[in-house]
Amino acid sequence: MKKQIKKAVIPAAGLGTRFLPATKAMPKEMLPIVDKPTIQYIVEEAVNSGIEDIIIVTGRSKRAIEDHFDKNYELEINLRERSKNDLYEIVEGLTNLVEIHYIRQKEALGLGHAIWCARKFIGDEPFAVLLGDMVIDSEVPCLKQMMDLYHHHQNSIIAVEAVDWDDVSKYGVIDGVAIGERLDLIHNLIEKPQSTPPSNLAIIGRYILDPRIFEILAQIEPGVGGEIQLTDALQTLAREQDLLAYRYEGTLYDVGSKFGFLKATVEFAMKNEELNKDFGLYLTQVKDKYLQNHWKLPVG
């Protein structure tokens, strides 16, 4: 019988230092893109892919994430009494999206350790990992694409994207061989290569993993910064079993960076029917009034 992916891990324990001082008291995962916090886009991708249970690995000062997906009786009553039914349905619907569980990563020991913290929740079954600072806009959810592929191959899968060669040193990349139109068999993974990168296929924060990864993570020695590196564990997994790289279809926004966050905000606003007309006009005005004056860009 083929195994199914029913559970997902969302690591959300990072400090978000790139967004200080905004993230001093607010989790970076709660920064809004238009009208939704970042982590809601990630949870919705998992739900729309068929995930039934999610565990969010949190850290200190992340209570706002739990509150966002929890019941808020006072707010719901207030909205109903004021006949704001559309807003009530949005707020009430958050609590019924999916079964969400939480576990605290007590020490900041890296992504690999954060995933290892979810081992008892996952048990002995394959599972998905979605990084909370990578939002992907696609017709078919990225994770759903990967789950369909897993159903056929029954192997661990990493989502990758071809990036500019000049930017390769910013990412973990794969060394592999193409075995299909969008599929590669991974031989090795290199974290932020500084010279002679084997490819420009960057790891972008979506994984389907065999539970064997937990045993490997438990044995991995701390790497850069004293952290347990997921990439190190994946290198071991690739030596033991087939590990696939999938070049997904969609648009990636690295909302863990200020530029990526701004790009996501602008493009999701342009997709919003309530905003796109006025916002599009405003962007045109910005270009004509500000950019031309400061950077001498052509109008039109």
C-alpha atoms as a PDB file:
ATOM      1  CA  MET A   1       0.000   0.000   0.000  1.00  0.00           C
ATOM      2  CA  LYS A   2       1.330   3.422  -0.946  1.00  0.00           C
ATOM      3  CA  LYS A   3       2.037   5.810   1.890  1.00  0.00           C
ATOM      4  CA  GLN A   4       0.150   9.083   2.114  1.00  0.00           C
ATOM      5  CA  ILE A   5       1.278  12.477   3.402  1.00  0.00           C
ATOM      6  CA  LYS A   6      -1.126  13.641   6.105  1.00  0.00           C
ATOM      7  CA  LYS A   7       1.051  15.637   8.508  1.00  0.00           C
ATOM      8  CA  ALA A   8       3.156  18.761   8.066  1.00  0.00           C
ATOM      9  CA  VAL A   9       5.742  20.598  10.148  1.00  0.00           C
ATOM     10  CA  ILE A  10       6.067  24.380   9.984  1.00  0.00           C
ATOM     11  CA  PRO A  11       9.208  25.617  11.760  1.00  0.00           C
ATOM     12  CA  ALA A  12       8.487  29.078  13.201  1.00  0.00           C
ATOM     13  CA  ALA A  13      11.024  29.535  15.968  1.00  0.00           C
ATOM     14  CA  GLY A  14      13.392  31.999  14.272  1.00  0.00           C
ATOM     15  CA  LEU A  15      14.077  35.409  15.782  1.00  0.00           C
ATOM     16  CA  GLY A  16      13.388  37.428  12.635  1.00  0.00           C
ATOM     17  CA  THR A  17      16.358  39.725  13.175  1.00  0.00           C
ATOM     18  CA  ARG A  18      16.217  41.035   9.587  1.00  0.00           C
ATOM     19  CA  PHE A  19      12.955  42.813  10.462  1.00  0.00           C
ATOM     20  CA  LEU A  20      13.975  44.428  13.726  1.00  0.00           C
ATOM     21  CA  PRO A  21      12.651  46.472  15.413  1.00  0.00           C
ATOM     22  CA  ALA A  22       9.259  45.326  14.039  1.00  0.00           C
ATOM     23  CA  THR A  23       9.913  41.764  15.235  1.00  0.00           C
ATOM     24  CA  LYS A  24      11.125  42.674  18.713  1.00  0.00           C
ATOM     25  CA  ALA A  25       7.663  41.912  20.111  1.00  0.00           C
ATOM     26  CA  MET A  26       5.896  40.451  17.047  1.00  0.00           C
ATOM     27  CA  PRO A  27       6.788  37.095  15.460  1.00  0.00           C
ATOM     28  CA  LYS A  28       8.068  37.577  11.917  1.00  0.00           C
ATOM     29  CA  GLU A  29       5.512  34.968  10.834  1.00  0.00           C
ATOM     30  CA  MET A  30       2.754  37.380  11.878  1.00  0.00           C
ATOM     31  CA  LEU A  31       3.902  40.232   9.633  1.00  0.00           C
ATOM     32  CA  PRO A  32       0.954  40.838   7.273  1.00  0.00           C
ATOM     33  CA  ILE A  33       1.048  40.522   3.514  1.00  0.00           C
ATOM     34  CA  VAL A  34      -1.925  42.737   2.620  1.00  0.00           C
ATOM     35  CA  ASP A  35      -4.512  41.352   5.078  1.00  0.00           C
ATOM     36  CA  LYS A  36      -3.101  37.982   6.161  1.00  0.00           C
ATOM     37  CA  PRO A  37      -0.110  37.167   8.320  1.00  0.00           C
ATOM     38  CA  THR A  38       2.640  35.332   6.472  1.00  0.00           C
ATOM     39  CA  ILE A  39       2.096  32.070   8.331  1.00  0.00           C
ATOM     40  CA  GLN A  40      -1.543  31.904   7.243  1.00  0.00           C
ATOM     41  CA  TYR A  41      -0.459  31.675   3.597  1.00  0.00           C
ATOM     42  CA  ILE A  42       1.754  28.724   4.583  1.00  0.00           C
ATOM     43  CA  VAL A  43      -1.002  26.976   6.555  1.00  0.00           C
ATOM     44  CA  GLU A  44      -3.479  27.486   3.719  1.00  0.00           C
ATOM     45  CA  GLU A  45      -1.042  25.941   1.240  1.00  0.00           C
ATOM     46  CA  ALA A  46      -0.796  22.870   3.470  1.00  0.00           C
ATOM     47  CA  VAL A  47      -4.574  22.636   3.907  1.00  0.00           C
ATOM     48  CA  ASN A  48      -5.238  23.095   0.191  1.00  0.00           C
ATOM     49  CA  SER A  49      -2.746  20.308  -0.499  1.00  0.00           C
ATOM     50  CA  GLY A  50      -4.660  17.814   1.653  1.00  0.00           C
ATOM     51  CA  ILE A  51      -2.706  17.996   4.919  1.00  0.00           C
ATOM     52  CA  GLU A  52      -4.849  16.993   7.909  1.00  0.00           C
ATOM     53  CA  ASP A  53      -2.584  17.799  10.871  1.00  0.00           C
ATOM     54  CA  ILE A  54      -0.001  20.548  11.279  1.00  0.00           C
ATOM     55  CA  ILE A  55       2.554  21.033  14.022  1.00  0.00           C
ATOM     56  CA  ILE A  56       4.068  24.484  14.305  1.00  0.00           C
ATOM     57  CA  VAL A  57       7.447  24.551  16.031  1.00  0.00           C
ATOM     58  CA  THR A  58       7.596  27.837  17.920  1.00  0.00           C
ATOM     59  CA  GLY A  59      10.035  29.641  20.148  1.00  0.00           C
ATOM     60  CA  ARG A  60       9.925  32.283  22.804  1.00  0.00           C
ATOM     61  CA  SER A  61       7.580  35.253  22.135  1.00  0.00           C
ATOM     62  CA  LYS A  62       5.568  33.354  19.505  1.00  0.00           C
ATOM     63  CA  ARG A  63       2.256  33.224  21.392  1.00  0.00           C
ATOM     64  CA  ALA A  64       0.628  35.484  18.799  1.00  0.00           C
ATOM     65  CA  ILE A  65       0.767  32.615  16.285  1.00  0.00           C
ATOM     66  CA  GLU A  66      -1.296  30.384  18.563  1.00  0.00           C
ATOM     67  CA  ASP A  67      -3.745  33.201  19.285  1.00  0.00           C
ATOM     68  CA  HIS A  68      -4.236  33.848  15.562  1.00  0.00           C
ATOM     69  CA  PHE A  69      -5.521  30.333  14.875  1.00  0.00           C
ATOM     70  CA  ASP A  70      -7.402  30.029  18.195  1.00  0.00           C
ATOM     71  CA  LYS A  71     -10.986  31.005  19.031  1.00  0.00           C
ATOM     72  CA  ASN A  72     -11.627  34.634  19.931  1.00  0.00           C
ATOM     73  CA  TYR A  73     -15.106  34.561  21.428  1.00  0.00           C
ATOM     74  CA  GLU A  74     -15.219  38.276  22.300  1.00  0.00           C
ATOM     75  CA  LEU A  75     -14.287  39.327  18.765  1.00  0.00           C
ATOM     76  CA  GLU A  76     -16.692  36.859  17.156  1.00  0.00           C
ATOM     77  CA  ILE A  77     -19.607  38.014  19.348  1.00  0.00           C
ATOM     78  CA  ASN A  78     -18.779  41.640  18.592  1.00  0.00           C
ATOM     79  CA  LEU A  79     -18.757  41.029  14.837  1.00  0.00           C
ATOM     80  CA  ARG A  80     -22.059  39.148  14.929  1.00  0.00           C
ATOM     81  CA  GLU A  81     -23.771  41.785  17.054  1.00  0.00           C
ATOM     82  CA  ARG A  82     -22.664  44.446  14.540  1.00  0.00           C
ATOM     83  CA  SER A  83     -23.853  42.257  11.617  1.00  0.00           C
ATOM     84  CA  LYS A  84     -20.362  42.129  10.118  1.00  0.00           C
ATOM     85  CA  ASN A  85     -21.000  38.618   8.891  1.00  0.00           C
ATOM     86  CA  ASP A  86     -18.302  38.590   6.226  1.00  0.00           C
ATOM     87  CA  LEU A  87     -15.619  39.421   8.794  1.00  0.00           C
ATOM     88  CA  TYR A  88     -17.130  36.965  11.271  1.00  0.00           C
ATOM     89  CA  GLU A  89     -16.865  34.157   8.738  1.00  0.00           C
ATOM     90  CA  ILE A  90     -13.202  35.002   8.096  1.00  0.00           C
ATOM     91  CA  VAL A  91     -12.314  35.047  11.797  1.00  0.00           C
ATOM     92  CA  GLU A  92     -14.386  31.998  12.688  1.00  0.00           C
ATOM     93  CA  GLY A  93     -13.046  30.073   9.721  1.00  0.00           C
ATOM     94  CA  LEU A  94      -9.446  30.401  10.952  1.00  0.00           C
ATOM     95  CA  THR A  95     -10.146  28.064  13.857  1.00  0.00           C
ATOM     96  CA  ASN A  96     -11.550  25.387  11.551  1.00  0.00           C
ATOM     97  CA  LEU A  97      -8.872  25.366   8.855  1.00  0.00           C
ATOM     98  CA  VAL A  98      -7.082  22.280  10.143  1.00  0.00           C
ATOM     99  CA  GLU A  99      -5.897  20.591  13.339  1.00  0.00           C
ATOM    100  CA  ILE A 100      -2.922  22.676  14.483  1.00  0.00           C
ATOM    101  CA  HIS A 101      -0.591  21.599  17.279  1.00  0.00           C
ATOM    102  CA  TYR A 102       2.344  23.434  18.813  1.00  0.00           C
ATOM    103  CA  ILE A 103       5.674  22.520  20.321  1.00  0.00           C
ATOM    104  CA  ARG A 104       8.360  24.819  21.695  1.00  0.00           C
ATOM    105  CA  GLN A 105      11.945  24.676  20.451  1.00  0.00           C
ATOM    106  CA  LYS A 106      13.592  25.507  23.747  1.00  0.00           C
ATOM    107  CA  GLU A 107      16.974  26.375  22.264  1.00  0.00           C
ATOM    108  CA  ALA A 108      17.817  28.067  18.954  1.00  0.00           C
ATOM    109  CA  LEU A 109      19.726  25.106  17.533  1.00  0.00           C
ATOM    110  CA  GLY A 110      18.824  25.447  13.879  1.00  0.00           C
ATOM    111  CA  LEU A 111      16.310  24.197  11.321  1.00  0.00           C
ATOM    112  CA  GLY A 112      17.353  20.580  11.653  1.00  0.00           C
ATOM    113  CA  HIS A 113      16.776  20.655  15.389  1.00  0.00           C
ATOM    114  CA  ALA A 114      13.406  22.390  14.938  1.00  0.00           C
ATOM    115  CA  ILE A 115      12.229  19.568  12.674  1.00  0.00           C
ATOM    116  CA  TRP A 116      13.638  16.967  15.089  1.00  0.00           C
ATOM    117  CA  CYS A 117      11.471  18.512  17.832  1.00  0.00           C
ATOM    118  CA  ALA A 118       8.383  17.302  15.924  1.00  0.00           C
ATOM    119  CA  ARG A 119       9.467  13.634  15.856  1.00  0.00           C
ATOM    120  CA  LYS A 120       6.912  12.360  18.403  1.00  0.00           C
ATOM    121  CA  PHE A 121       4.066  14.099  16.620  1.00  0.00           C
ATOM    122  CA  ILE A 122       5.057  12.693  13.224  1.00  0.00           C
ATOM    123  CA  GLY A 123       5.882   9.174  14.351  1.00  0.00           C
ATOM    124  CA  ASP A 124       6.890   6.601  11.739  1.00  0.00           C
ATOM    125  CA  GLU A 125       5.342   8.131   8.622  1.00  0.00           C
ATOM    126  CA  PRO A 126       6.452  10.426   5.807  1.00  0.00           C
ATOM    127  CA  PHE A 127       5.662  14.084   6.348  1.00  0.00           C
ATOM    128  CA  ALA A 128       5.900  17.536   4.803  1.00  0.00           C
ATOM    129  CA  VAL A 129       7.937  20.540   5.916  1.00  0.00           C
ATOM    130  CA  LEU A 130       7.006  24.082   4.891  1.00  0.00           C
ATOM    131  CA  LEU A 131       9.296  26.949   5.873  1.00  0.00           C
ATOM    132  CA  GLY A 132       7.358  29.938   7.138  1.00  0.00           C
ATOM    133  CA  ASP A 133       9.350  32.595   5.292  1.00  0.00           C
ATOM    134  CA  MET A 134       8.836  31.187   1.801  1.00  0.00           C
ATOM    135  CA  VAL A 135       5.453  32.026   0.268  1.00  0.00           C
ATOM    136  CA  ILE A 136       4.670  30.407  -3.073  1.00  0.00           C
ATOM    137  CA  ASP A 137       1.911  31.638  -5.368  1.00  0.00           C
ATOM    138  CA  SER A 138       0.788  28.917  -7.768  1.00  0.00           C
ATOM    139  CA  GLU A 139      -2.344  27.620  -9.441  1.00  0.00           C
ATOM    140  CA  VAL A 140      -1.789  24.200  -7.867  1.00  0.00           C
ATOM    141  CA  PRO A 141      -0.252  24.531  -4.392  1.00  0.00           C
ATOM    142  CA  CYS A 142       3.456  23.720  -4.451  1.00  0.00           C
ATOM    143  CA  LEU A 143       3.057  21.106  -1.732  1.00  0.00           C
ATOM    144  CA  LYS A 144       0.171  19.483  -3.626  1.00  0.00           C
ATOM    145  CA  GLN A 145       2.429  19.180  -6.685  1.00  0.00           C
ATOM    146  CA  MET A 146       5.011  17.454  -4.505  1.00  0.00           C
ATOM    147  CA  MET A 147       2.471  15.189  -2.811  1.00  0.00           C
ATOM    148  CA  ASP A 148       1.179  14.021  -6.197  1.00  0.00           C
ATOM    149  CA  LEU A 149       4.765  13.252  -7.172  1.00  0.00           C
ATOM    150  CA  TYR A 150       5.369  11.421  -3.901  1.00  0.00           C
ATOM    151  CA  HIS A 151       2.297   9.273  -4.490  1.00  0.00           C
ATOM    152  CA  HIS A 152       3.946   8.019  -7.678  1.00  0.00           C
ATOM    153  CA  HIS A 153       7.587   7.697  -6.558  1.00  0.00           C
ATOM    154  CA  GLN A 154       7.338   7.137  -2.763  1.00  0.00           C
ATOM    155  CA  ASN A 155      10.677   8.925  -2.231  1.00  0.00           C
ATOM    156  CA  SER A 156      11.683  11.976  -0.231  1.00  0.00           C
ATOM    157  CA  ILE A 157      11.398  15.151  -2.312  1.00  0.00           C
ATOM    158  CA  ILE A 158      12.870  18.648  -2.070  1.00  0.00           C
ATOM    159  CA  ALA A 159      11.429  21.589  -4.014  1.00  0.00           C
ATOM    160  CA  VAL A 160      14.047  23.561  -5.950  1.00  0.00           C
ATOM    161  CA  GLU A 161      14.155  26.601  -8.189  1.00  0.00           C
ATOM    162  CA  ALA A 162      16.688  27.726 -10.769  1.00  0.00           C
ATOM    163  CA  VAL A 163      18.222  30.982  -9.490  1.00  0.00           C
ATOM    164  CA  ASP A 164      20.623  33.435 -11.082  1.00  0.00           C
ATOM    165  CA  TRP A 165      24.168  32.079 -10.992  1.00  0.00           C
ATOM    166  CA  ASP A 166      25.301  35.276  -9.293  1.00  0.00           C
ATOM    167  CA  ASP A 167      22.973  34.477  -6.374  1.00  0.00           C
ATOM    168  CA  VAL A 168      23.831  30.808  -5.914  1.00  0.00           C
ATOM    169  CA  SER A 169      26.067  31.510  -2.899  1.00  0.00           C
ATOM    170  CA  LYS A 170      22.982  32.696  -0.973  1.00  0.00           C
ATOM    171  CA  TYR A 171      21.288  29.296  -1.108  1.00  0.00           C
ATOM    172  CA  GLY A 172      21.692  25.624  -0.499  1.00  0.00           C
ATOM    173  CA  VAL A 173      21.911  23.938  -3.906  1.00  0.00           C
ATOM    174  CA  ILE A 174      21.734  20.391  -5.193  1.00  0.00           C
ATOM    175  CA  ASP A 175      24.164  18.282  -7.164  1.00  0.00           C
ATOM    176  CA  GLY A 176      22.183  15.770  -9.163  1.00  0.00           C
ATOM    177  CA  VAL A 177      21.157  14.380 -12.508  1.00  0.00           C
ATOM    178  CA  ALA A 178      17.923  15.007 -14.394  1.00  0.00           C
ATOM    179  CA  ILE A 179      15.598  11.996 -14.529  1.00  0.00           C
ATOM    180  CA  GLY A 180      12.522  13.809 -15.840  1.00  0.00           C
ATOM    181  CA  GLU A 181      11.298  17.130 -17.190  1.00  0.00           C
ATOM    182  CA  ARG A 182      11.147  18.718 -13.731  1.00  0.00           C
ATOM    183  CA  LEU A 183      12.784  16.011 -11.659  1.00  0.00           C
ATOM    184  CA  ASP A 184      16.367  15.356 -10.580  1.00  0.00           C
ATOM    185  CA  LEU A 185      17.977  12.579  -8.566  1.00  0.00           C
ATOM    186  CA  ILE A 186      20.129  14.218  -5.883  1.00  0.00           C
ATOM    187  CA  HIS A 187      23.690  13.021  -5.317  1.00  0.00           C
ATOM    188  CA  ASN A 188      24.703  15.746  -2.882  1.00  0.00           C
ATOM    189  CA  LEU A 189      23.599  19.041  -1.332  1.00  0.00           C
ATOM    190  CA  ILE A 190      25.892  22.016  -0.787  1.00  0.00           C
ATOM    191  CA  GLU A 191      25.007  24.827   1.590  1.00  0.00           C
ATOM    192  CA  LYS A 192      25.811  28.287   0.160  1.00  0.00           C
ATOM    193  CA  PRO A 193      28.673  27.271  -2.170  1.00  0.00           C
ATOM    194  CA  GLN A 194      31.314  29.986  -2.471  1.00  0.00           C
ATOM    195  CA  SER A 195      32.998  28.617  -5.593  1.00  0.00           C
ATOM    196  CA  THR A 196      32.259  26.181  -8.453  1.00  0.00           C
ATOM    197  CA  PRO A 197      28.627  25.432  -7.507  1.00  0.00           C
ATOM    198  CA  PRO A 198      27.410  22.128  -9.000  1.00  0.00           C
ATOM    199  CA  SER A 199      24.125  23.697 -10.161  1.00  0.00           C
ATOM    200  CA  ASN A 200      21.918  26.730  -9.751  1.00  0.00           C
ATOM    201  CA  LEU A 201      18.997  24.668  -8.424  1.00  0.00           C
ATOM    202  CA  ALA A 202      18.335  26.223  -5.032  1.00  0.00           C
ATOM    203  CA  ILE A 203      16.465  24.588  -2.142  1.00  0.00           C
ATOM    204  CA  ILE A 204      13.446  26.792  -1.442  1.00  0.00           C
ATOM    205  CA  GLY A 205      11.751  25.548   1.724  1.00  0.00           C
ATOM    206  CA  ARG A 206       9.347  22.755   0.788  1.00  0.00           C
ATOM    207  CA  TYR A 207      10.165  19.144   1.651  1.00  0.00           C
ATOM    208  CA  ILE A 208       8.547  15.729   1.836  1.00  0.00           C
ATOM    209  CA  LEU A 209      10.714  13.566   4.071  1.00  0.00           C
ATOM    210  CA  ASP A 210      11.013   9.967   5.179  1.00  0.00           C
ATOM    211  CA  PRO A 211      10.880   9.594   8.991  1.00  0.00           C
ATOM    212  CA  ARG A 212      14.411   8.185   8.837  1.00  0.00           C
ATOM    213  CA  ILE A 213      15.471  11.842   8.864  1.00  0.00           C
ATOM    214  CA  PHE A 214      14.773  12.010  12.619  1.00  0.00           C
ATOM    215  CA  GLU A 215      17.332   9.297  13.394  1.00  0.00           C
ATOM    216  CA  ILE A 216      19.878  11.030  11.205  1.00  0.00           C
ATOM    217  CA  LEU A 217      19.221  14.421  12.825  1.00  0.00           C
ATOM    218  CA  ALA A 218      19.737  12.880  16.252  1.00  0.00           C
ATOM    219  CA  GLN A 219      23.247  11.819  15.219  1.00  0.00           C
ATOM    220  CA  ILE A 220      24.311  14.939  13.299  1.00  0.00           C
ATOM    221  CA  GLU A 221      27.069  17.023  14.866  1.00  0.00           C
ATOM    222  CA  PRO A 222      26.364  20.771  15.138  1.00  0.00           C
ATOM    223  CA  GLY A 223      27.584  22.708  12.119  1.00  0.00           C
ATOM    224  CA  VAL A 224      27.882  26.416  11.348  1.00  0.00           C
ATOM    225  CA  GLY A 225      26.887  28.562  14.331  1.00  0.00           C
ATOM    226  CA  GLY A 226      26.554  25.506  16.545  1.00  0.00           C
ATOM    227  CA  GLU A 227      23.288  24.592  14.811  1.00  0.00           C
ATOM    228  CA  ILE A 228      21.939  21.248  13.621  1.00  0.00           C
ATOM    229  CA  GLN A 229      21.850  21.712   9.849  1.00  0.00           C
ATOM    230  CA  LEU A 230      19.058  20.050   7.881  1.00  0.00           C
ATOM    231  CA  THR A 231      21.288  20.057   4.795  1.00  0.00           C
ATOM    232  CA  ASP A 232      23.822  17.812   6.581  1.00  0.00           C
ATOM    233  CA  ALA A 233      21.089  15.326   7.437  1.00  0.00           C
ATOM    234  CA  LEU A 234      19.769  15.391   3.865  1.00  0.00           C
ATOM    235  CA  GLN A 235      23.245  14.570   2.566  1.00  0.00           C
ATOM    236  CA  THR A 236      23.194  11.405   4.672  1.00  0.00           C
ATOM    237  CA  LEU A 237      19.653  10.579   3.590  1.00  0.00           C
ATOM    238  CA  ALA A 238      20.666  10.926  -0.076  1.00  0.00           C
ATOM    239  CA  ARG A 239      23.393   8.314   0.439  1.00  0.00           C
ATOM    240  CA  GLU A 240      20.921   5.851   1.952  1.00  0.00           C
ATOM    241  CA  GLN A 241      17.914   6.228  -0.336  1.00  0.00           C
ATOM    242  CA  ASP A 242      16.767   8.071  -3.440  1.00  0.00           C
ATOM    243  CA  LEU A 243      16.253  11.765  -2.737  1.00  0.00           C
ATOM    244  CA  LEU A 244      14.498  13.726  -5.470  1.00  0.00           C
ATOM    245  CA  ALA A 245      14.544  17.418  -6.395  1.00  0.00           C
ATOM    246  CA  TYR A 246      11.401  18.828  -7.980  1.00  0.00           C
ATOM    247  CA  ARG A 247      11.384  22.050  -9.992  1.00  0.00           C
ATOM    248  CA  TYR A 248       7.946  23.230  -8.942  1.00  0.00           C
ATOM    249  CA  GLU A 249       5.593  25.472 -10.904  1.00  0.00           C
ATOM    250  CA  GLY A 250       4.837  28.809  -9.242  1.00  0.00           C
ATOM    251  CA  THR A 251       6.260  32.113  -8.049  1.00  0.00           C
ATOM    252  CA  LEU A 252       8.398  32.222  -4.924  1.00  0.00           C
ATOM    253  CA  TYR A 253       8.548  35.125  -2.490  1.00  0.00           C
ATOM    254  CA  ASP A 254      11.292  35.039   0.120  1.00  0.00           C
ATOM    255  CA  VAL A 255       9.377  37.047   2.708  1.00  0.00           C
ATOM    256  CA  GLY A 256      12.183  36.542   5.206  1.00  0.00           C
ATOM    257  CA  SER A 257      13.982  39.341   3.335  1.00  0.00           C
ATOM    258  CA  LYS A 258      12.727  42.921   3.194  1.00  0.00           C
ATOM    259  CA  PHE A 259      12.829  43.031  -0.594  1.00  0.00           C
ATOM    260  CA  GLY A 260      10.991  39.721  -0.940  1.00  0.00           C
ATOM    261  CA  PHE A 261       8.410  40.831   1.610  1.00  0.00           C
ATOM    262  CA  LEU A 262       7.770  44.062  -0.289  1.00  0.00           C
ATOM    263  CA  LYS A 263       7.493  42.188  -3.603  1.00  0.00           C
ATOM    264  CA  ALA A 264       4.911  39.831  -2.097  1.00  0.00           C
ATOM    265  CA  THR A 265       2.949  42.720  -0.610  1.00  0.00           C
ATOM    266  CA  VAL A 266       2.800  44.584  -3.927  1.00  0.00           C
ATOM    267  CA  GLU A 267       1.929  41.574  -6.069  1.00  0.00           C
ATOM    268  CA  PHE A 268      -0.674  40.129  -3.685  1.00  0.00           C
ATOM    269  CA  ALA A 269      -2.232  43.589  -3.406  1.00  0.00           C
ATOM    270  CA  MET A 270      -2.488  43.695  -7.203  1.00  0.00           C
ATOM    271  CA  LYS A 271      -4.327  40.358  -7.098  1.00  0.00           C
ATOM    272  CA  ASN A 272      -6.822  41.740  -4.559  1.00  0.00           C
ATOM    273  CA  GLU A 273     -10.035  42.849  -6.317  1.00  0.00           C
ATOM    274  CA  GLU A 274     -10.731  45.495  -3.682  1.00  0.00           C
ATOM    275  CA  LEU A 275      -7.304  47.065  -4.032  1.00  0.00           C
ATOM    276  CA  ASN A 276      -5.885  46.471  -7.494  1.00  0.00           C
ATOM    277  CA  LYS A 277      -7.460  49.421  -9.317  1.00  0.00           C
ATOM    278  CA  ASP A 278      -6.556  52.105  -6.776  1.00  0.00           C
ATOM    279  CA  PHE A 279      -3.256  50.494  -5.866  1.00  0.00           C
ATOM    280  CA  GLY A 280      -2.248  50.098  -9.492  1.00  0.00           C
ATOM    281  CA  LEU A 281      -2.949  53.777 -10.080  1.00  0.00           C
ATOM    282  CA  TYR A 282      -0.923  54.655  -6.997  1.00  0.00           C
ATOM    283  CA  LEU A 283       2.054  52.604  -8.208  1.00  0.00           C
ATOM    284  CA  THR A 284       1.951  54.445 -11.527  1.00  0.00           C
ATOM    285  CA  GLN A 285       1.960  57.741  -9.674  1.00  0.00           C
ATOM    286  CA  VAL A 286       4.920  56.617  -7.571  1.00  0.00           C
ATOM    287  CA  LYS A 287       6.881  55.758 -10.677  1.00  0.00           C
ATOM    288  CA  ASP A 288       6.063  59.036 -12.404  1.00  0.00           C
ATOM    289  CA  LYS A 289       6.512  61.274  -9.379  1.00  0.00           C
ATOM    290  CA  TYR A 290       9.265  59.661  -7.323  1.00  0.00           C
ATOM    291  CA  LEU A 291      11.328  57.202  -9.299  1.00  0.00           C
ATOM    292  CA  GLN A 292      11.778  59.502 -12.280  1.00  0.00           C
ATOM    293  CA  ASN A 293      13.022  62.323 -10.048  1.00  0.00           C
ATOM    294  CA  HIS A 294      15.448  60.166  -8.068  1.00  0.00           C
ATOM    295  CA  TRP A 295      16.683  57.617 -10.609  1.00  0.00           C
ATOM    296  CA  LYS A 296      15.801  59.280 -13.908  1.00  0.00           C
ATOM    297  CA  LEU A 297      13.616  56.394 -15.023  1.00  0.00           C
ATOM    298  CA  PRO A 298      11.494  56.895 -18.165  1.00  0.00           C
ATOM    299  CA  VAL A 299       7.796  57.663 -17.693  1.00  0.00           C
ATOM    300  CA  GLY A 300       5.299  55.187 -19.151  1.00  0.00           C
END
